Amino acid sequence: MANTPAEANTAAARPFTAFNFAVLIAVTDVTTSNTQLCAASFSECDGMEMTMEVKTIRAGGRNWGPVHLAGPVSYGQLTLKRGMTNSFDLWNWFEKMATTGQTGYRTSATVVIRASDQTDLAVFQLTGCLPVKLKAPALNAKDGLVAIEEMQIAYESLSLQSPQN
């Protein structure tokens, strides 16, 4: 049975595609304006992951198998590749964090996956963000390369939030 036009526009009928996303980062006292720090567009965003360490216990008298207990959760590093920006805010953030004693510039970031009509389908919230790598592209006059080759951001937690429609 085919979907009616009204059913096709519901959130459940729209697929989650990986090509339409936004990365939003804001750090007070670093941005040149009151907008998001990440006034950049990236072609790739990777590393939103959670891994739970499993504790295995072999109990005496339990001959049919071990008991698996939930252990601590670890998080990946967000990797942003091939970005373009018209500001130095990301560079300034990294520079402030690299200065001795400047630990107060951790922030949160939001990664939004959008439908083709720009409706938010999934919103991932990352907290305790810390820039750990910032790589400029190779400088070559014959290539039209982008301004930021790669940026890696460590984060302390990751959660999925309901999108605001």
C-alpha atoms as a PDB file:
ATOM      1  CA  MET A   1       0.000   0.000   0.000  1.00  0.00           C
ATOM      2  CA  ALA A   2       1.453   3.371  -1.052  1.00  0.00           C
ATOM      3  CA  ASN A   3       1.740   6.325   1.310  1.00  0.00           C
ATOM      4  CA  THR A   4      -0.603   9.230   0.836  1.00  0.00           C
ATOM      5  CA  PRO A   5       1.047  12.656   0.347  1.00  0.00           C
ATOM      6  CA  ALA A   6       0.240  13.614   3.953  1.00  0.00           C
ATOM      7  CA  GLU A   7       1.872  10.429   5.263  1.00  0.00           C
ATOM      8  CA  ALA A   8       4.984  10.994   3.140  1.00  0.00           C
ATOM      9  CA  ASN A   9       5.704  14.267   4.969  1.00  0.00           C
ATOM     10  CA  THR A  10       5.692  12.757   8.450  1.00  0.00           C
ATOM     11  CA  ALA A  11       9.027  12.404  10.242  1.00  0.00           C
ATOM     12  CA  ALA A  12       8.709   8.607  10.205  1.00  0.00           C
ATOM     13  CA  ALA A  13       8.488   8.546   6.395  1.00  0.00           C
ATOM     14  CA  ARG A  14      11.609  10.660   5.811  1.00  0.00           C
ATOM     15  CA  PRO A  15      14.884   8.738   5.693  1.00  0.00           C
ATOM     16  CA  PHE A  16      17.907   9.701   7.795  1.00  0.00           C
ATOM     17  CA  THR A  17      20.486  10.723   5.231  1.00  0.00           C
ATOM     18  CA  ALA A  18      24.094  11.509   6.067  1.00  0.00           C
ATOM     19  CA  PHE A  19      24.728  14.283   3.539  1.00  0.00           C
ATOM     20  CA  ASN A  20      22.719  17.111   5.113  1.00  0.00           C
ATOM     21  CA  PHE A  21      24.033  18.101   8.537  1.00  0.00           C
ATOM     22  CA  ALA A  22      25.082  21.103  10.594  1.00  0.00           C
ATOM     23  CA  VAL A  23      27.706  21.401  13.340  1.00  0.00           C
ATOM     24  CA  LEU A  24      27.084  24.174  15.879  1.00  0.00           C
ATOM     25  CA  ILE A  25      29.693  25.210  18.478  1.00  0.00           C
ATOM     26  CA  ALA A  26      29.705  28.325  20.688  1.00  0.00           C
ATOM     27  CA  VAL A  27      32.370  29.443  23.185  1.00  0.00           C
ATOM     28  CA  THR A  28      31.995  32.651  25.171  1.00  0.00           C
ATOM     29  CA  ASP A  29      34.879  35.156  24.952  1.00  0.00           C
ATOM     30  CA  VAL A  30      36.254  33.495  21.809  1.00  0.00           C
ATOM     31  CA  THR A  31      33.798  34.336  19.048  1.00  0.00           C
ATOM     32  CA  THR A  32      34.081  37.646  17.236  1.00  0.00           C
ATOM     33  CA  SER A  33      30.306  38.026  17.351  1.00  0.00           C
ATOM     34  CA  ASN A  34      27.449  36.702  19.459  1.00  0.00           C
ATOM     35  CA  THR A  35      26.829  33.871  17.016  1.00  0.00           C
ATOM     36  CA  GLN A  36      28.039  30.293  16.972  1.00  0.00           C
ATOM     37  CA  LEU A  37      31.786  29.720  17.112  1.00  0.00           C
ATOM     38  CA  CYS A  38      31.587  27.211  14.343  1.00  0.00           C
ATOM     39  CA  ALA A  39      30.738  29.547  11.492  1.00  0.00           C
ATOM     40  CA  ALA A  40      32.241  26.922   9.221  1.00  0.00           C
ATOM     41  CA  SER A  41      30.866  24.353   6.821  1.00  0.00           C
ATOM     42  CA  PHE A  42      32.412  20.896   6.789  1.00  0.00           C
ATOM     43  CA  SER A  43      32.098  18.213   4.162  1.00  0.00           C
ATOM     44  CA  GLU A  44      32.528  15.376   6.662  1.00  0.00           C
ATOM     45  CA  CYS A  45      31.647  14.781  10.326  1.00  0.00           C
ATOM     46  CA  ASP A  46      32.651  11.525  11.981  1.00  0.00           C
ATOM     47  CA  GLY A  47      33.214  10.126  15.461  1.00  0.00           C
ATOM     48  CA  MET A  48      29.873  10.358  17.237  1.00  0.00           C
ATOM     49  CA  GLU A  49      30.197   7.137  19.154  1.00  0.00           C
ATOM     50  CA  MET A  50      29.683   5.598  22.585  1.00  0.00           C
ATOM     51  CA  THR A  51      31.267   2.358  23.753  1.00  0.00           C
ATOM     52  CA  MET A  52      30.254   0.555  26.921  1.00  0.00           C
ATOM     53  CA  GLU A  53      32.880  -1.604  28.555  1.00  0.00           C
ATOM     54  CA  VAL A  54      31.354  -4.921  29.608  1.00  0.00           C
ATOM     55  CA  LYS A  55      32.481  -6.550  32.857  1.00  0.00           C
ATOM     56  CA  THR A  56      32.341 -10.345  32.629  1.00  0.00           C
ATOM     57  CA  ILE A  57      31.970 -12.331  35.852  1.00  0.00           C
ATOM     58  CA  ARG A  58      32.093 -16.089  36.078  1.00  0.00           C
ATOM     59  CA  ALA A  59      29.989 -17.063  39.062  1.00  0.00           C
ATOM     60  CA  GLY A  60      30.498 -20.365  40.825  1.00  0.00           C
ATOM     61  CA  GLY A  61      27.595 -22.740  40.287  1.00  0.00           C
ATOM     62  CA  ARG A  62      26.469 -20.867  37.165  1.00  0.00           C
ATOM     63  CA  ASN A  63      27.688 -23.413  34.610  1.00  0.00           C
ATOM     64  CA  TRP A  64      25.548 -22.196  31.682  1.00  0.00           C
ATOM     65  CA  GLY A  65      27.528 -18.993  31.139  1.00  0.00           C
ATOM     66  CA  PRO A  66      29.044 -15.835  32.578  1.00  0.00           C
ATOM     67  CA  VAL A  67      27.232 -12.779  33.890  1.00  0.00           C
ATOM     68  CA  HIS A  68      27.764  -9.575  31.886  1.00  0.00           C
ATOM     69  CA  LEU A  69      27.587  -6.288  33.783  1.00  0.00           C
ATOM     70  CA  ALA A  70      27.485  -2.809  32.301  1.00  0.00           C
ATOM     71  CA  GLY A  71      30.747  -0.943  32.803  1.00  0.00           C
ATOM     72  CA  PRO A  72      31.849   2.617  32.136  1.00  0.00           C
ATOM     73  CA  VAL A  73      31.008   4.357  28.861  1.00  0.00           C
ATOM     74  CA  SER A  74      33.717   5.934  26.751  1.00  0.00           C
ATOM     75  CA  TYR A  75      33.213   8.390  23.915  1.00  0.00           C
ATOM     76  CA  GLY A  76      34.969   8.953  20.594  1.00  0.00           C
ATOM     77  CA  GLN A  77      36.446  12.083  19.093  1.00  0.00           C
ATOM     78  CA  LEU A  78      34.436  14.194  16.689  1.00  0.00           C
ATOM     79  CA  THR A  79      36.385  14.595  13.448  1.00  0.00           C
ATOM     80  CA  LEU A  80      35.426  17.441  11.110  1.00  0.00           C
ATOM     81  CA  LYS A  81      37.055  17.395   7.677  1.00  0.00           C
ATOM     82  CA  ARG A  82      37.440  19.827   4.809  1.00  0.00           C
ATOM     83  CA  GLY A  83      35.863  22.893   6.343  1.00  0.00           C
ATOM     84  CA  MET A  84      35.447  26.412   5.025  1.00  0.00           C
ATOM     85  CA  THR A  85      35.054  29.489   7.171  1.00  0.00           C
ATOM     86  CA  ASN A  86      35.404  33.254   6.932  1.00  0.00           C
ATOM     87  CA  SER A  87      36.572  33.719  10.550  1.00  0.00           C
ATOM     88  CA  PHE A  88      39.446  32.634  12.765  1.00  0.00           C
ATOM     89  CA  ASP A  89      37.188  31.583  15.671  1.00  0.00           C
ATOM     90  CA  LEU A  90      38.106  27.875  15.535  1.00  0.00           C
ATOM     91  CA  TRP A  91      41.797  28.754  15.464  1.00  0.00           C
ATOM     92  CA  ASN A  92      41.320  31.200  18.365  1.00  0.00           C
ATOM     93  CA  TRP A  93      39.513  28.541  20.411  1.00  0.00           C
ATOM     94  CA  PHE A  94      42.337  26.046  19.881  1.00  0.00           C
ATOM     95  CA  GLU A  95      44.935  28.702  20.701  1.00  0.00           C
ATOM     96  CA  LYS A  96      43.157  29.677  23.946  1.00  0.00           C
ATOM     97  CA  MET A  97      42.963  26.025  25.022  1.00  0.00           C
ATOM     98  CA  ALA A  98      46.674  25.529  24.236  1.00  0.00           C
ATOM     99  CA  THR A  99      47.623  28.440  26.523  1.00  0.00           C
ATOM    100  CA  THR A 100      48.698  27.252  29.972  1.00  0.00           C
ATOM    101  CA  GLY A 101      45.891  27.375  32.517  1.00  0.00           C
ATOM    102  CA  GLN A 102      43.087  28.106  30.020  1.00  0.00           C
ATOM    103  CA  THR A 103      40.749  25.195  30.789  1.00  0.00           C
ATOM    104  CA  GLY A 104      37.557  27.254  30.999  1.00  0.00           C
ATOM    105  CA  TYR A 105      36.895  27.245  27.283  1.00  0.00           C
ATOM    106  CA  ARG A 106      35.321  23.798  27.086  1.00  0.00           C
ATOM    107  CA  THR A 107      31.947  23.980  25.467  1.00  0.00           C
ATOM    108  CA  SER A 108      29.107  21.948  24.078  1.00  0.00           C
ATOM    109  CA  ALA A 109      28.462  21.206  20.442  1.00  0.00           C
ATOM    110  CA  THR A 110      25.382  20.193  18.517  1.00  0.00           C
ATOM    111  CA  VAL A 111      25.314  18.034  15.393  1.00  0.00           C
ATOM    112  CA  VAL A 112      22.006  18.235  13.543  1.00  0.00           C
ATOM    113  CA  ILE A 113      20.978  15.780  10.833  1.00  0.00           C
ATOM    114  CA  ARG A 114      18.463  17.385   8.494  1.00  0.00           C
ATOM    115  CA  ALA A 115      15.992  16.195   5.891  1.00  0.00           C
ATOM    116  CA  SER A 116      16.034  17.541   2.351  1.00  0.00           C
ATOM    117  CA  ASP A 117      13.474  20.190   3.379  1.00  0.00           C
ATOM    118  CA  GLN A 118      15.842  21.360   6.208  1.00  0.00           C
ATOM    119  CA  THR A 119      13.661  19.811   8.935  1.00  0.00           C
ATOM    120  CA  ASP A 120      15.717  18.532  11.873  1.00  0.00           C
ATOM    121  CA  LEU A 121      15.561  14.739  12.018  1.00  0.00           C
ATOM    122  CA  ALA A 122      18.111  14.030  14.754  1.00  0.00           C
ATOM    123  CA  VAL A 123      19.964  16.310  17.166  1.00  0.00           C
ATOM    124  CA  PHE A 124      23.104  15.032  18.896  1.00  0.00           C
ATOM    125  CA  GLN A 125      24.359  17.024  21.885  1.00  0.00           C
ATOM    126  CA  LEU A 126      28.066  16.757  22.825  1.00  0.00           C
ATOM    127  CA  THR A 127      29.245  18.218  26.142  1.00  0.00           C
ATOM    128  CA  GLY A 128      32.671  19.017  27.550  1.00  0.00           C
ATOM    129  CA  CYS A 129      34.126  19.637  24.084  1.00  0.00           C
ATOM    130  CA  LEU A 130      37.869  20.217  23.847  1.00  0.00           C
ATOM    131  CA  PRO A 131      39.745  20.860  20.590  1.00  0.00           C
ATOM    132  CA  VAL A 132      42.587  18.352  20.255  1.00  0.00           C
ATOM    133  CA  LYS A 133      43.714  18.717  16.637  1.00  0.00           C
ATOM    134  CA  LEU A 134      43.518  21.447  14.029  1.00  0.00           C
ATOM    135  CA  LYS A 135      45.151  20.865  10.660  1.00  0.00           C
ATOM    136  CA  ALA A 136      45.482  23.369   7.838  1.00  0.00           C
ATOM    137  CA  PRO A 137      45.504  22.089   4.247  1.00  0.00           C
ATOM    138  CA  ALA A 138      48.617  21.905   2.128  1.00  0.00           C
ATOM    139  CA  LEU A 139      49.161  25.255   0.445  1.00  0.00           C
ATOM    140  CA  ASN A 140      49.160  24.861  -3.313  1.00  0.00           C
ATOM    141  CA  ALA A 141      48.234  27.632  -5.745  1.00  0.00           C
ATOM    142  CA  LYS A 142      46.935  25.255  -8.413  1.00  0.00           C
ATOM    143  CA  ASP A 143      44.428  23.538  -6.110  1.00  0.00           C
ATOM    144  CA  GLY A 144      41.315  25.192  -4.728  1.00  0.00           C
ATOM    145  CA  LEU A 145      41.583  23.492  -1.350  1.00  0.00           C
ATOM    146  CA  VAL A 146      39.606  24.431   1.727  1.00  0.00           C
ATOM    147  CA  ALA A 147      40.672  26.469   4.744  1.00  0.00           C
ATOM    148  CA  ILE A 148      40.516  23.728   7.422  1.00  0.00           C
ATOM    149  CA  GLU A 149      41.621  20.241   6.433  1.00  0.00           C
ATOM    150  CA  GLU A 150      40.722  18.543   9.709  1.00  0.00           C
ATOM    151  CA  MET A 151      39.641  19.368  13.249  1.00  0.00           C
ATOM    152  CA  GLN A 152      39.258  16.841  16.047  1.00  0.00           C
ATOM    153  CA  ILE A 153      37.238  17.534  19.169  1.00  0.00           C
ATOM    154  CA  ALA A 154      37.201  15.314  22.262  1.00  0.00           C
ATOM    155  CA  TYR A 155      33.947  15.272  24.210  1.00  0.00           C
ATOM    156  CA  GLU A 156      32.805  13.971  27.588  1.00  0.00           C
ATOM    157  CA  SER A 157      29.250  12.887  26.791  1.00  0.00           C
ATOM    158  CA  LEU A 158      26.935  12.328  23.841  1.00  0.00           C
ATOM    159  CA  SER A 159      23.144  12.321  23.879  1.00  0.00           C
ATOM    160  CA  LEU A 160      20.379  12.208  21.309  1.00  0.00           C
ATOM    161  CA  GLN A 161      17.721  14.865  21.747  1.00  0.00           C
ATOM    162  CA  SER A 162      14.303  15.115  20.196  1.00  0.00           C
ATOM    163  CA  PRO A 163      14.406  17.608  17.322  1.00  0.00           C
ATOM    164  CA  GLN A 164      12.502  20.862  17.683  1.00  0.00           C
ATOM    165  CA  ASN A 165      10.090  21.103  14.743  1.00  0.00           C
END
